[in-house]
Amino acid sequence: MIRYYVYVLKSLKDNKLYIGFTTNLKKRLQEHARGDVKSTENRGYKKLIHYEYFINETDAKAREKFLKSGAGHEQIRQFLKRTLN
């Protein structure tokens, strides 16, 4: 069974959030750490602060899209406010 992950990384350089989608979370985190991901390569290593697991790809992609929206970004910031301080 394929697993789908939506994850949130925090930049250690500027505290910005990055929200992504993958089917292999461990591999994807290694790619971020090595700087192999174009959208995060300039912010240095990212720290995983949250992830969600899905068994349905459509649900996972919908969640990623929502979290990247203004309302979703605010929701994740409220949900993780202690982590982000």
PDB file of N, CA and C in Angstrom:
ATOM      1  N   MET A   1       0.842  -1.177   0.000  1.00  0.00           N
ATOM      2  CA  MET A   1       0.000   0.000   0.000  1.00  0.00           C
ATOM      3  C   MET A   1       0.889   1.244   0.000  1.00  0.00           C
ATOM      4  N   ILE A   2       0.574   2.170  -0.861  1.00  0.00           N
ATOM      5  CA  ILE A   2       1.310   3.434  -0.920  1.00  0.00           C
ATOM      6  C   ILE A   2       0.821   4.344   0.194  1.00  0.00           C
ATOM      7  N   ARG A   3       1.759   5.002   0.837  1.00  0.00           N
ATOM      8  CA  ARG A   3       1.437   5.978   1.890  1.00  0.00           C
ATOM      9  C   ARG A   3       1.714   7.371   1.352  1.00  0.00           C
ATOM     10  N   TYR A   4       0.906   8.314   1.773  1.00  0.00           N
ATOM     11  CA  TYR A   4       1.033   9.691   1.327  1.00  0.00           C
ATOM     12  C   TYR A   4       1.206  10.583   2.553  1.00  0.00           C
ATOM     13  N   TYR A   5       2.167  11.479   2.483  1.00  0.00           N
ATOM     14  CA  TYR A   5       2.466  12.351   3.606  1.00  0.00           C
ATOM     15  C   TYR A   5       2.377  13.811   3.190  1.00  0.00           C
ATOM     16  N   VAL A   6       1.809  14.612   4.064  1.00  0.00           N
ATOM     17  CA  VAL A   6       1.877  16.059   3.965  1.00  0.00           C
ATOM     18  C   VAL A   6       2.719  16.475   5.162  1.00  0.00           C
ATOM     19  N   TYR A   7       3.723  17.288   4.920  1.00  0.00           N
ATOM     20  CA  TYR A   7       4.649  17.613   5.989  1.00  0.00           C
ATOM     21  C   TYR A   7       4.912  19.112   6.055  1.00  0.00           C
ATOM     22  N   VAL A   8       5.333  19.548   7.239  1.00  0.00           N
ATOM     23  CA  VAL A   8       5.650  20.960   7.466  1.00  0.00           C
ATOM     24  C   VAL A   8       7.071  21.027   8.002  1.00  0.00           C
ATOM     25  N   LEU A   9       7.882  21.815   7.329  1.00  0.00           N
ATOM     26  CA  LEU A   9       9.255  22.049   7.751  1.00  0.00           C
ATOM     27  C   LEU A   9       9.396  23.495   8.206  1.00  0.00           C
ATOM     28  N   LYS A  10      10.277  23.695   9.146  1.00  0.00           N
ATOM     29  CA  LYS A  10      10.580  25.046   9.627  1.00  0.00           C
ATOM     30  C   LYS A  10      12.027  25.346   9.270  1.00  0.00           C
ATOM     31  N   SER A  11      12.227  26.472   8.643  1.00  0.00           N
ATOM     32  CA  SER A  11      13.581  26.881   8.308  1.00  0.00           C
ATOM     33  C   SER A  11      14.312  27.310   9.566  1.00  0.00           C
ATOM     34  N   LEU A  12      15.493  26.793   9.756  1.00  0.00           N
ATOM     35  CA  LEU A  12      16.299  27.181  10.908  1.00  0.00           C
ATOM     36  C   LEU A  12      16.959  28.537  10.674  1.00  0.00           C
ATOM     37  N   LYS A  13      16.947  28.985   9.430  1.00  0.00           N
ATOM     38  CA  LYS A  13      17.582  30.254   9.065  1.00  0.00           C
ATOM     39  C   LYS A  13      16.651  31.441   9.288  1.00  0.00           C
ATOM     40  N   ASP A  14      15.391  31.313   8.828  1.00  0.00           N
ATOM     41  CA  ASP A  14      14.479  32.460   8.909  1.00  0.00           C
ATOM     42  C   ASP A  14      13.104  32.125   9.493  1.00  0.00           C
ATOM     43  N   ASN A  15      12.935  30.925  10.043  1.00  0.00           N
ATOM     44  CA  ASN A  15      11.695  30.474  10.688  1.00  0.00           C
ATOM     45  C   ASN A  15      10.480  30.411   9.763  1.00  0.00           C
ATOM     46  N   LYS A  16      10.680  30.446   8.462  1.00  0.00           N
ATOM     47  CA  LYS A  16       9.563  30.306   7.536  1.00  0.00           C
ATOM     48  C   LYS A  16       9.160  28.839   7.450  1.00  0.00           C
ATOM     49  N   LEU A  17       7.902  28.624   7.078  1.00  0.00           N
ATOM     50  CA  LEU A  17       7.382  27.267   6.949  1.00  0.00           C
ATOM     51  C   LEU A  17       7.403  26.827   5.498  1.00  0.00           C
ATOM     52  N   TYR A  18       7.627  25.542   5.302  1.00  0.00           N
ATOM     53  CA  TYR A  18       7.524  24.924   3.992  1.00  0.00           C
ATOM     54  C   TYR A  18       6.568  23.752   4.135  1.00  0.00           C
ATOM     55  N   ILE A  19       5.595  23.670   3.254  1.00  0.00           N
ATOM     56  CA  ILE A  19       4.605  22.591   3.280  1.00  0.00           C
ATOM     57  C   ILE A  19       4.784  21.775   2.014  1.00  0.00           C
ATOM     58  N   GLY A  20       4.899  20.457   2.179  1.00  0.00           N
ATOM     59  CA  GLY A  20       5.134  19.596   1.040  1.00  0.00           C
ATOM     60  C   GLY A  20       4.333  18.309   1.093  1.00  0.00           C
ATOM     61  N   PHE A  21       4.451  17.546   0.015  1.00  0.00           N
ATOM     62  CA  PHE A  21       3.747  16.280  -0.177  1.00  0.00           C
ATOM     63  C   PHE A  21       4.757  15.267  -0.691  1.00  0.00           C
ATOM     64  N   THR A  22       4.683  14.033  -0.199  1.00  0.00           N
ATOM     65  CA  THR A  22       5.576  12.980  -0.676  1.00  0.00           C
ATOM     66  C   THR A  22       4.988  11.605  -0.363  1.00  0.00           C
ATOM     67  N   THR A  23       5.542  10.604  -1.027  1.00  0.00           N
ATOM     68  CA  THR A  23       5.187   9.222  -0.707  1.00  0.00           C
ATOM     69  C   THR A  23       6.310   8.542   0.075  1.00  0.00           C
ATOM     70  N   ASN A  24       7.438   9.225   0.226  1.00  0.00           N
ATOM     71  CA  ASN A  24       8.567   8.668   0.968  1.00  0.00           C
ATOM     72  C   ASN A  24       9.140   9.788   1.840  1.00  0.00           C
ATOM     73  N   LEU A  25       8.642   9.901   3.040  1.00  0.00           N
ATOM     74  CA  LEU A  25       8.994  11.018   3.920  1.00  0.00           C
ATOM     75  C   LEU A  25      10.484  11.008   4.275  1.00  0.00           C
ATOM     76  N   LYS A  26      11.032   9.864   4.608  1.00  0.00           N
ATOM     77  CA  LYS A  26      12.439   9.788   4.996  1.00  0.00           C
ATOM     78  C   LYS A  26      13.347  10.266   3.859  1.00  0.00           C
ATOM     79  N   LYS A  27      13.092   9.781   2.661  1.00  0.00           N
ATOM     80  CA  LYS A  27      13.890  10.177   1.498  1.00  0.00           C
ATOM     81  C   LYS A  27      13.751  11.675   1.225  1.00  0.00           C
ATOM     82  N   ARG A  28      12.536  12.175   1.305  1.00  0.00           N
ATOM     83  CA  ARG A  28      12.300  13.590   1.013  1.00  0.00           C
ATOM     84  C   ARG A  28      13.005  14.483   2.028  1.00  0.00           C
ATOM     85  N   LEU A  29      12.992  14.100   3.289  1.00  0.00           N
ATOM     86  CA  LEU A  29      13.685  14.892   4.310  1.00  0.00           C
ATOM     87  C   LEU A  29      15.195  14.899   4.059  1.00  0.00           C
ATOM     88  N   GLN A  30      15.730  13.784   3.596  1.00  0.00           N
ATOM     89  CA  GLN A  30      17.155  13.730   3.248  1.00  0.00           C
ATOM     90  C   GLN A  30      17.456  14.663   2.083  1.00  0.00           C
ATOM     91  N   GLU A  31      16.564  14.724   1.113  1.00  0.00           N
ATOM     92  CA  GLU A  31      16.744  15.630  -0.033  1.00  0.00           C
ATOM     93  C   GLU A  31      16.748  17.085   0.429  1.00  0.00           C
ATOM     94  N   HIS A  32      15.845  17.427   1.340  1.00  0.00           N
ATOM     95  CA  HIS A  32      15.834  18.786   1.886  1.00  0.00           C
ATOM     96  C   HIS A  32      17.137  19.083   2.622  1.00  0.00           C
ATOM     97  N   ALA A  33      17.587  18.144   3.425  1.00  0.00           N
ATOM     98  CA  ALA A  33      18.797  18.342   4.228  1.00  0.00           C
ATOM     99  C   ALA A  33      20.033  18.533   3.345  1.00  0.00           C
ATOM    100  N   ARG A  34      20.081  17.828   2.222  1.00  0.00           N
ATOM    101  CA  ARG A  34      21.219  17.949   1.310  1.00  0.00           C
ATOM    102  C   ARG A  34      21.142  19.197   0.434  1.00  0.00           C
ATOM    103  N   GLY A  35      19.986  19.872   0.445  1.00  0.00           N
ATOM    104  CA  GLY A  35      19.818  21.042  -0.422  1.00  0.00           C
ATOM    105  C   GLY A  35      19.425  20.676  -1.834  1.00  0.00           C
ATOM    106  N   ASP A  36      18.879  19.475  -2.023  1.00  0.00           N
ATOM    107  CA  ASP A  36      18.493  19.001  -3.356  1.00  0.00           C
ATOM    108  C   ASP A  36      17.113  19.465  -3.796  1.00  0.00           C
ATOM    109  N   VAL A  37      16.395  20.169  -2.932  1.00  0.00           N
ATOM    110  CA  VAL A  37      15.046  20.633  -3.262  1.00  0.00           C
ATOM    111  C   VAL A  37      15.135  22.123  -3.586  1.00  0.00           C
ATOM    112  N   LYS A  38      14.856  22.446  -4.826  1.00  0.00           N
ATOM    113  CA  LYS A  38      15.050  23.809  -5.322  1.00  0.00           C
ATOM    114  C   LYS A  38      14.343  24.861  -4.474  1.00  0.00           C
ATOM    115  N   SER A  39      13.123  24.587  -4.048  1.00  0.00           N
ATOM    116  CA  SER A  39      12.345  25.591  -3.323  1.00  0.00           C
ATOM    117  C   SER A  39      12.833  25.840  -1.897  1.00  0.00           C
ATOM    118  N   THR A  40      13.698  24.963  -1.370  1.00  0.00           N
ATOM    119  CA  THR A  40      14.189  25.161  -0.004  1.00  0.00           C
ATOM    120  C   THR A  40      15.711  25.222   0.090  1.00  0.00           C
ATOM    121  N   GLU A  41      16.398  25.121  -1.013  1.00  0.00           N
ATOM    122  CA  GLU A  41      17.861  25.019  -0.979  1.00  0.00           C
ATOM    123  C   GLU A  41      18.547  26.254  -0.390  1.00  0.00           C
ATOM    124  N   ASN A  42      17.957  27.432  -0.529  1.00  0.00           N
ATOM    125  CA  ASN A  42      18.602  28.665  -0.062  1.00  0.00           C
ATOM    126  C   ASN A  42      18.344  28.985   1.403  1.00  0.00           C
ATOM    127  N   ARG A  43      17.508  28.232   2.060  1.00  0.00           N
ATOM    128  CA  ARG A  43      17.208  28.500   3.464  1.00  0.00           C
ATOM    129  C   ARG A  43      17.930  27.545   4.398  1.00  0.00           C
ATOM    130  N   GLY A  44      18.779  26.724   3.862  1.00  0.00           N
ATOM    131  CA  GLY A  44      19.513  25.792   4.711  1.00  0.00           C
ATOM    132  C   GLY A  44      18.645  24.633   5.154  1.00  0.00           C
ATOM    133  N   TYR A  45      19.132  23.899   6.098  1.00  0.00           N
ATOM    134  CA  TYR A  45      18.433  22.712   6.578  1.00  0.00           C
ATOM    135  C   TYR A  45      17.089  23.075   7.191  1.00  0.00           C
ATOM    136  N   LYS A  46      16.123  22.253   6.931  1.00  0.00           N
ATOM    137  CA  LYS A  46      14.779  22.446   7.474  1.00  0.00           C
ATOM    138  C   LYS A  46      14.517  21.430   8.573  1.00  0.00           C
ATOM    139  N   LYS A  47      13.798  21.839   9.571  1.00  0.00           N
ATOM    140  CA  LYS A  47      13.446  20.949  10.674  1.00  0.00           C
ATOM    141  C   LYS A  47      11.997  20.487  10.497  1.00  0.00           C
ATOM    142  N   LEU A  48      11.769  19.175  10.522  1.00  0.00           N
ATOM    143  CA  LEU A  48      10.418  18.634  10.441  1.00  0.00           C
ATOM    144  C   LEU A  48       9.694  18.960  11.739  1.00  0.00           C
ATOM    145  N   ILE A  49       8.562  19.663  11.647  1.00  0.00           N
ATOM    146  CA  ILE A  49       7.811  19.998  12.857  1.00  0.00           C
ATOM    147  C   ILE A  49       6.419  19.372  12.877  1.00  0.00           C
ATOM    148  N   HIS A  50       5.970  18.834  11.730  1.00  0.00           N
ATOM    149  CA  HIS A  50       4.634  18.229  11.697  1.00  0.00           C
ATOM    150  C   HIS A  50       4.506  17.414  10.416  1.00  0.00           C
ATOM    151  N   TYR A  51       3.805  16.284  10.515  1.00  0.00           N
ATOM    152  CA  TYR A  51       3.426  15.566   9.299  1.00  0.00           C
ATOM    153  C   TYR A  51       2.115  14.851   9.518  1.00  0.00           C
ATOM    154  N   GLU A  52       1.429  14.602   8.425  1.00  0.00           N
ATOM    155  CA  GLU A  52       0.153  13.882   8.427  1.00  0.00           C
ATOM    156  C   GLU A  52       0.254  12.757   7.416  1.00  0.00           C
ATOM    157  N   TYR A  53      -0.335  11.616   7.760  1.00  0.00           N
ATOM    158  CA  TYR A  53      -0.277  10.416   6.943  1.00  0.00           C
ATOM    159  C   TYR A  53      -1.651  10.134   6.358  1.00  0.00           C
ATOM    160  N   PHE A  54      -1.684   9.804   5.087  1.00  0.00           N
ATOM    161  CA  PHE A  54      -2.937   9.514   4.388  1.00  0.00           C
ATOM    162  C   PHE A  54      -2.814   8.206   3.617  1.00  0.00           C
ATOM    163  N   ILE A  55      -3.939   7.532   3.446  1.00  0.00           N
ATOM    164  CA  ILE A  55      -3.955   6.335   2.606  1.00  0.00           C
ATOM    165  C   ILE A  55      -4.552   6.642   1.233  1.00  0.00           C
ATOM    166  N   ASN A  56      -5.036   7.874   1.066  1.00  0.00           N
ATOM    167  CA  ASN A  56      -5.639   8.289  -0.194  1.00  0.00           C
ATOM    168  C   ASN A  56      -4.891   9.502  -0.735  1.00  0.00           C
ATOM    169  N   GLU A  57      -4.382   9.394  -1.955  1.00  0.00           N
ATOM    170  CA  GLU A  57      -3.590  10.476  -2.555  1.00  0.00           C
ATOM    171  C   GLU A  57      -4.397  11.759  -2.740  1.00  0.00           C
ATOM    172  N   THR A  58      -5.635  11.635  -3.150  1.00  0.00           N
ATOM    173  CA  THR A  58      -6.469  12.815  -3.368  1.00  0.00           C
ATOM    174  C   THR A  58      -6.678  13.584  -2.072  1.00  0.00           C
ATOM    175  N   ASP A  59      -6.912  12.869  -0.979  1.00  0.00           N
ATOM    176  CA  ASP A  59      -7.067  13.525   0.328  1.00  0.00           C
ATOM    177  C   ASP A  59      -5.784  14.235   0.743  1.00  0.00           C
ATOM    178  N   ALA A  60      -4.653  13.578   0.531  1.00  0.00           N
ATOM    179  CA  ALA A  60      -3.368  14.170   0.909  1.00  0.00           C
ATOM    180  C   ALA A  60      -3.086  15.429   0.099  1.00  0.00           C
ATOM    181  N   LYS A  61      -3.311  15.374  -1.194  1.00  0.00           N
ATOM    182  CA  LYS A  61      -3.061  16.550  -2.036  1.00  0.00           C
ATOM    183  C   LYS A  61      -4.012  17.698  -1.703  1.00  0.00           C
ATOM    184  N   ALA A  62      -5.249  17.358  -1.353  1.00  0.00           N
ATOM    185  CA  ALA A  62      -6.206  18.393  -0.948  1.00  0.00           C
ATOM    186  C   ALA A  62      -5.761  19.052   0.355  1.00  0.00           C
ATOM    187  N   ARG A  63      -5.247  18.261   1.282  1.00  0.00           N
ATOM    188  CA  ARG A  63      -4.765  18.809   2.550  1.00  0.00           C
ATOM    189  C   ARG A  63      -3.551  19.708   2.323  1.00  0.00           C
ATOM    190  N   GLU A  64      -2.636  19.272   1.475  1.00  0.00           N
ATOM    191  CA  GLU A  64      -1.471  20.098   1.152  1.00  0.00           C
ATOM    192  C   GLU A  64      -1.917  21.426   0.531  1.00  0.00           C
ATOM    193  N   LYS A  65      -2.834  21.362  -0.400  1.00  0.00           N
ATOM    194  CA  LYS A  65      -3.324  22.578  -1.057  1.00  0.00           C
ATOM    195  C   LYS A  65      -3.959  23.517  -0.034  1.00  0.00           C
ATOM    196  N   PHE A  66      -4.761  22.965   0.880  1.00  0.00           N
ATOM    197  CA  PHE A  66      -5.385  23.801   1.908  1.00  0.00           C
ATOM    198  C   PHE A  66      -4.331  24.443   2.807  1.00  0.00           C
ATOM    199  N   LEU A  67      -3.361  23.649   3.272  1.00  0.00           N
ATOM    200  CA  LEU A  67      -2.346  24.187   4.178  1.00  0.00           C
ATOM    201  C   LEU A  67      -1.508  25.277   3.513  1.00  0.00           C
ATOM    202  N   LYS A  68      -1.374  25.229   2.211  1.00  0.00           N
ATOM    203  CA  LYS A  68      -0.625  26.258   1.485  1.00  0.00           C
ATOM    204  C   LYS A  68      -1.457  27.517   1.251  1.00  0.00           C
ATOM    205  N   SER A  69      -2.759  27.434   1.476  1.00  0.00           N
ATOM    206  CA  SER A  69      -3.623  28.606   1.315  1.00  0.00           C
ATOM    207  C   SER A  69      -3.483  29.518   2.528  1.00  0.00           C
ATOM    208  N   GLY A  70      -4.002  30.714   2.439  1.00  0.00           N
ATOM    209  CA  GLY A  70      -3.942  31.654   3.558  1.00  0.00           C
ATOM    210  C   GLY A  70      -4.596  31.106   4.811  1.00  0.00           C
ATOM    211  N   ALA A  71      -5.790  30.553   4.672  1.00  0.00           N
ATOM    212  CA  ALA A  71      -6.508  30.004   5.826  1.00  0.00           C
ATOM    213  C   ALA A  71      -5.787  28.782   6.389  1.00  0.00           C
ATOM    214  N   GLY A  72      -5.258  27.957   5.531  1.00  0.00           N
ATOM    215  CA  GLY A  72      -4.538  26.767   5.976  1.00  0.00           C
ATOM    216  C   GLY A  72      -3.230  27.121   6.666  1.00  0.00           C
ATOM    217  N   HIS A  73      -2.539  28.119   6.125  1.00  0.00           N
ATOM    218  CA  HIS A  73      -1.287  28.561   6.742  1.00  0.00           C
ATOM    219  C   HIS A  73      -1.551  29.106   8.144  1.00  0.00           C
ATOM    220  N   GLU A  74      -2.631  29.850   8.284  1.00  0.00           N
ATOM    221  CA  GLU A  74      -2.989  30.380   9.598  1.00  0.00           C
ATOM    222  C   GLU A  74      -3.372  29.242  10.539  1.00  0.00           C
ATOM    223  N   GLN A  75      -4.117  28.250  10.029  1.00  0.00           N
ATOM    224  CA  GLN A  75      -4.515  27.114  10.853  1.00  0.00           C
ATOM    225  C   GLN A  75      -3.295  26.352  11.371  1.00  0.00           C
ATOM    226  N   ILE A  76      -2.327  26.101  10.509  1.00  0.00           N
ATOM    227  CA  ILE A  76      -1.155  25.352  10.948  1.00  0.00           C
ATOM    228  C   ILE A  76      -0.323  26.182  11.918  1.00  0.00           C
ATOM    229  N   ARG A  77      -0.267  27.489  11.729  1.00  0.00           N
ATOM    230  CA  ARG A  77       0.465  28.347  12.670  1.00  0.00           C
ATOM    231  C   ARG A  77      -0.209  28.347  14.052  1.00  0.00           C
ATOM    232  N   GLN A  78      -1.537  28.356  14.085  1.00  0.00           N
ATOM    233  CA  GLN A  78      -2.254  28.291  15.366  1.00  0.00           C
ATOM    234  C   GLN A  78      -2.072  26.928  16.021  1.00  0.00           C
ATOM    235  N   PHE A  79      -2.161  25.885  15.222  1.00  0.00           N
ATOM    236  CA  PHE A  79      -2.035  24.521  15.719  1.00  0.00           C
ATOM    237  C   PHE A  79      -0.646  24.264  16.314  1.00  0.00           C
ATOM    238  N   LEU A  80       0.373  24.875  15.709  1.00  0.00           N
ATOM    239  CA  LEU A  80       1.756  24.643  16.119  1.00  0.00           C
ATOM    240  C   LEU A  80       2.374  25.859  16.820  1.00  0.00           C
ATOM    241  N   LYS A  81       1.551  26.706  17.407  1.00  0.00           N
ATOM    242  CA  LYS A  81       2.070  27.961  17.943  1.00  0.00           C
ATOM    243  C   LYS A  81       3.143  27.761  19.027  1.00  0.00           C
ATOM    244  N   ARG A  82       3.037  26.746  19.837  1.00  0.00           N
ATOM    245  CA  ARG A  82       4.065  26.503  20.852  1.00  0.00           C
ATOM    246  C   ARG A  82       5.366  26.019  20.208  1.00  0.00           C
ATOM    247  N   THR A  83       5.247  25.224  19.175  1.00  0.00           N
ATOM    248  CA  THR A  83       6.402  24.725  18.448  1.00  0.00           C
ATOM    249  C   THR A  83       7.121  25.863  17.737  1.00  0.00           C
ATOM    250  N   LEU A  84       6.361  26.827  17.238  1.00  0.00           N
ATOM    251  CA  LEU A  84       6.944  27.913  16.456  1.00  0.00           C
ATOM    252  C   LEU A  84       7.570  28.996  17.312  1.00  0.00           C
ATOM    253  N   ASN A  85       7.303  28.995  18.620  1.00  0.00           N
ATOM    254  CA  ASN A  85       7.902  30.015  19.507  1.00  0.00           C
ATOM    255  C   ASN A  85       9.315  29.685  19.864  1.00  0.00           C
TER     256      ASN A  85
END
